[in-house]
Protein backbone atom coordinates (compact mmCIF):
# COMPACT_ATOMS: atom_id res chain seq x y z
CA UNK A 1 -18.91 -81.56 173.26
CA UNK A 2 -19.79 -85.21 173.02
CA UNK A 3 -18.28 -87.48 175.93
CA UNK A 4 -18.09 -91.16 176.15
CA UNK A 5 -17.50 -93.54 178.92
CA UNK A 6 -15.35 -96.39 177.63
CA UNK A 7 -15.53 -99.36 179.36
CA UNK A 8 -12.78 -101.47 178.45
CA UNK A 9 -11.75 -105.10 179.08
CA UNK A 10 -8.07 -106.18 178.44
CA UNK A 11 -5.89 -109.15 178.23
CA UNK A 12 -4.49 -110.54 181.31
CA UNK A 13 -0.59 -109.03 181.99
CA UNK A 14 -1.38 -106.26 179.43
CA UNK A 15 -3.19 -103.51 181.61
CA UNK A 16 -0.23 -101.24 182.05
CA UNK A 17 0.64 -101.45 178.27
CA UNK A 18 -2.75 -100.82 176.91
CA UNK A 19 -3.44 -97.82 179.70
CA UNK A 20 -0.22 -96.32 178.32
CA UNK A 21 -1.48 -96.39 174.40
CA UNK A 22 -4.70 -95.10 175.57
CA UNK A 23 -3.44 -92.11 177.39
CA UNK A 24 -1.76 -91.16 174.44
CA UNK A 25 -5.03 -90.54 172.40
CA UNK A 26 -5.61 -87.08 172.21
CA UNK A 27 -9.48 -87.27 172.62
CA UNK A 28 -8.93 -89.12 175.98
CA UNK A 29 -9.06 -87.26 179.20
CA UNK A 30 -8.72 -89.46 181.63
CA UNK A 31 -8.18 -92.98 181.99
CA UNK A 32 -8.51 -95.25 185.30
CA UNK A 33 -7.50 -98.79 185.73
CA UNK A 34 -10.64 -100.47 187.60
CA UNK A 35 -11.47 -103.43 189.69
CA UNK A 36 -14.69 -105.38 188.44
CA UNK A 37 -16.35 -106.57 185.34
CA UNK A 38 -13.89 -104.06 183.29
CA UNK A 39 -10.39 -103.81 183.74
CA UNK A 40 -9.93 -99.99 182.50
CA UNK A 41 -12.32 -96.68 182.10
CA UNK A 42 -11.57 -94.06 179.50
CA UNK A 43 -13.09 -90.72 179.33
CA UNK A 44 -13.52 -89.60 175.71
CA UNK A 45 -14.39 -85.67 174.81
CA UNK A 46 -14.88 -85.21 170.86
CA UNK A 47 -16.97 -82.85 169.02
CA UNK A 48 -19.10 -85.02 167.29
CA UNK A 49 -20.38 -88.50 167.33
CA UNK A 50 -18.42 -89.49 164.04
CA UNK A 51 -15.02 -88.61 166.20
CA UNK A 52 -16.34 -90.66 169.05
CA UNK A 53 -16.96 -93.52 166.82
CA UNK A 54 -13.39 -93.14 165.16
CA UNK A 55 -11.61 -92.69 168.56
CA UNK A 56 -13.35 -95.93 169.91
CA UNK A 57 -13.20 -98.26 167.09
CA UNK A 58 -10.21 -96.81 165.15
CA UNK A 59 -7.86 -96.05 168.12
CA UNK A 60 -8.85 -97.98 171.27
CA UNK A 61 -10.07 -101.10 169.93
CA UNK A 62 -7.10 -101.45 167.43
CA UNK A 63 -4.86 -101.31 170.95
CA UNK A 64 -3.37 -104.90 170.81
CA UNK A 65 -4.48 -106.42 174.55
CA UNK A 66 -7.99 -104.64 173.97
CA UNK A 67 -10.63 -107.77 174.11
CA UNK A 68 -13.67 -105.47 173.99
CA UNK A 69 -15.30 -101.87 174.70
CA UNK A 70 -18.69 -100.83 175.69
CA UNK A 71 -19.20 -97.17 175.34
CA UNK A 72 -21.61 -95.04 177.33
CA UNK A 73 -22.77 -91.52 175.98
CA UNK A 74 -23.07 -88.89 178.34
CA UNK A 75 -26.41 -87.54 178.21
CA UNK A 76 -26.15 -85.05 180.94
CA UNK A 77 -23.19 -84.24 183.18
CA UNK A 78 -24.06 -83.78 186.87
CA UNK A 79 -20.60 -81.95 187.92
CA UNK A 80 -20.56 -80.20 191.18
CA UNK A 81 -21.79 -83.35 193.45
CA UNK A 82 -20.35 -83.46 196.67
CA UNK A 83 -18.46 -86.19 197.73
CA UNK A 84 -18.78 -87.54 201.68
CA UNK A 85 -15.72 -87.78 203.71
């Protein structure tokens, strides 16, 4: 499985609308509205790089209100990391 972390800049005022549309994309497993340089982060899971490309370029970037994206390809998952309380 290929995982991509997509960092998304969204036009002001369209955040909720864009997030709602991203959540409806089948390959998107999670989406977060965040503070900072980016407005949202989406976790995309696909079978291969071509499908990841199609989701980012053909689905996410075509949503009205998406200004730009940066995609990080997951090299290795470090699951099981404990969070401090």
